[in-house]
Amino acid sequence: MAGTKWYAKQGDQYGYITEQLLDENLDPVDLTAIQSVTFEMQTPGSGLPTVSDSANCEVLGNPLDGIVRYQWQPGDLDAHGQYFFEWRILFSTDRVQTFPSNGYNFIEVLRKLND
């Protein structure tokens, strides 16, 4: 579960990034009793998130399937380059777990052709 790789185009504002969260046994994470899910994205090595958003995240379908989705917002993909991203789940017990747990997801924002 070392993470997935995604691609997007610079300046896009429409669409979603969706992922199924898996536990250490590669089973879907039960998202029934959560307070929030947060999408976090940052440039590798920067230490500061370029995106940290829970308002535009949601659990899709049956919470037992562990599927989360983030809707891109204006500005999220303005700068081309490489980014890490992860999901932070705040459970109803006030405990946090981050996915993936053994690495990072990766997104490459590709430069627009007319730039």
Protein backbone atom coordinates (compact mmCIF):
# COMPACT_ATOMS: atom_id res chain seq x y z
CA MET A 1 0.00 0.00 0.00
CA ALA A 2 2.87 2.31 -0.80
CA GLY A 3 0.70 4.84 -2.55
CA THR A 4 -0.81 5.60 -5.90
CA LYS A 5 0.26 7.91 -8.70
CA TRP A 6 -2.11 10.42 -10.28
CA TYR A 7 -1.82 13.00 -13.03
CA ALA A 8 -3.63 16.31 -13.52
CA LYS A 9 -3.27 19.31 -15.82
CA GLN A 10 -2.16 22.71 -14.60
CA GLY A 11 -5.05 25.06 -13.92
CA ASP A 12 -7.79 22.43 -13.87
CA GLN A 13 -10.57 23.12 -11.40
CA TYR A 14 -13.10 20.46 -12.25
CA GLY A 15 -13.04 16.86 -11.18
CA TYR A 16 -12.21 14.70 -8.24
CA ILE A 17 -9.48 12.58 -6.78
CA THR A 18 -10.91 9.36 -5.35
CA GLU A 19 -9.24 6.56 -3.43
CA GLN A 20 -10.14 3.47 -1.47
CA LEU A 21 -8.40 3.50 1.92
CA LEU A 22 -6.99 0.13 2.97
CA ASP A 23 -5.74 -1.12 6.33
CA GLU A 24 -2.56 -3.13 6.99
CA ASN A 25 -4.35 -6.32 5.81
CA LEU A 26 -5.39 -4.58 2.56
CA ASP A 27 -9.03 -4.57 3.70
CA PRO A 28 -11.18 -1.45 3.22
CA VAL A 29 -11.15 0.91 6.21
CA ASP A 30 -14.51 1.23 7.97
CA LEU A 31 -15.42 4.93 7.73
CA THR A 32 -18.76 4.61 9.50
CA ALA A 33 -17.73 6.41 12.70
CA ILE A 34 -15.60 9.32 11.51
CA GLN A 35 -15.77 13.02 12.24
CA SER A 36 -13.92 14.15 9.12
CA VAL A 37 -11.65 13.29 6.24
CA THR A 38 -8.98 15.77 5.12
CA PHE A 39 -7.07 15.84 1.83
CA GLU A 40 -3.50 17.15 2.22
CA MET A 41 -1.08 17.86 -0.62
CA GLN A 42 2.41 19.37 -0.55
CA THR A 43 5.59 19.70 -2.55
CA PRO A 44 8.08 17.00 -1.47
CA GLY A 45 10.46 18.37 1.15
CA SER A 46 8.58 21.62 1.71
CA GLY A 47 6.98 20.71 5.03
CA LEU A 48 4.05 23.03 4.33
CA PRO A 49 0.81 21.83 2.73
CA THR A 50 -0.29 23.53 -0.47
CA VAL A 51 -3.75 22.04 0.14
CA SER A 52 -5.29 21.02 3.46
CA ASP A 53 -9.04 20.73 3.02
CA SER A 54 -11.76 18.80 4.80
CA ALA A 55 -14.70 20.92 3.60
CA ASN A 56 -14.52 19.48 0.07
CA CYS A 57 -13.95 15.84 1.06
CA GLU A 58 -16.56 13.15 1.37
CA VAL A 59 -17.05 9.43 1.95
CA LEU A 60 -18.56 7.81 -1.14
CA GLY A 61 -21.19 5.11 -1.07
CA ASN A 62 -21.14 2.56 1.72
CA PRO A 63 -18.74 3.72 4.50
CA LEU A 64 -17.64 0.09 4.92
CA ASP A 65 -16.01 0.29 1.47
CA GLY A 66 -13.53 2.97 2.66
CA ILE A 67 -13.81 5.20 -0.42
CA VAL A 68 -13.05 8.92 -0.07
CA ARG A 69 -13.15 11.74 -2.58
CA TYR A 70 -11.80 15.28 -2.79
CA GLN A 71 -13.12 17.84 -5.27
CA TRP A 72 -10.42 20.05 -6.76
CA GLN A 73 -10.78 23.71 -5.85
CA PRO A 74 -9.65 26.82 -7.75
CA GLY A 75 -5.92 27.27 -7.14
CA ASP A 76 -5.17 23.67 -6.14
CA LEU A 77 -3.56 22.83 -9.48
CA ASP A 78 -2.28 26.25 -10.56
CA ALA A 79 1.41 25.34 -10.28
CA HIS A 80 2.81 22.48 -12.33
CA GLY A 81 5.16 20.10 -10.57
CA GLN A 82 5.27 17.07 -8.33
CA TYR A 83 3.36 16.71 -5.08
CA PHE A 84 2.75 14.19 -2.33
CA PHE A 85 -0.76 13.76 -0.99
CA GLU A 86 -2.45 11.83 1.78
CA TRP A 87 -5.77 11.45 3.58
CA ARG A 88 -6.20 12.22 7.29
CA ILE A 89 -9.15 10.55 8.97
CA LEU A 90 -10.45 11.87 12.29
CA PHE A 91 -12.43 9.08 13.92
CA SER A 92 -15.27 9.68 16.38
CA THR A 93 -12.85 8.64 19.16
CA ASP A 94 -10.80 11.81 18.38
CA ARG A 95 -7.97 9.65 17.04
CA VAL A 96 -6.32 10.40 13.71
CA GLN A 97 -5.02 7.96 11.12
CA THR A 98 -3.24 8.93 7.91
CA PHE A 99 -3.41 6.97 4.62
CA PRO A 100 -1.37 5.58 3.09
CA SER A 101 0.48 4.62 6.25
CA ASN A 102 3.69 3.43 4.54
CA GLY A 103 4.57 6.16 2.10
CA TYR A 104 2.77 8.85 0.16
CA ASN A 105 0.49 9.12 -2.79
CA PHE A 106 1.97 11.09 -5.65
CA ILE A 107 0.45 13.52 -8.11
CA GLU A 108 2.15 15.17 -11.03
CA VAL A 109 0.55 18.37 -12.27
CA LEU A 110 1.50 18.60 -15.93
CA ARG A 111 2.16 21.95 -17.61
CA LYS A 112 -0.58 23.20 -19.94
CA LEU A 113 0.33 23.02 -23.62
CA ASN A 114 -0.12 26.75 -24.17
CA ASP A 115 2.35 27.76 -21.41
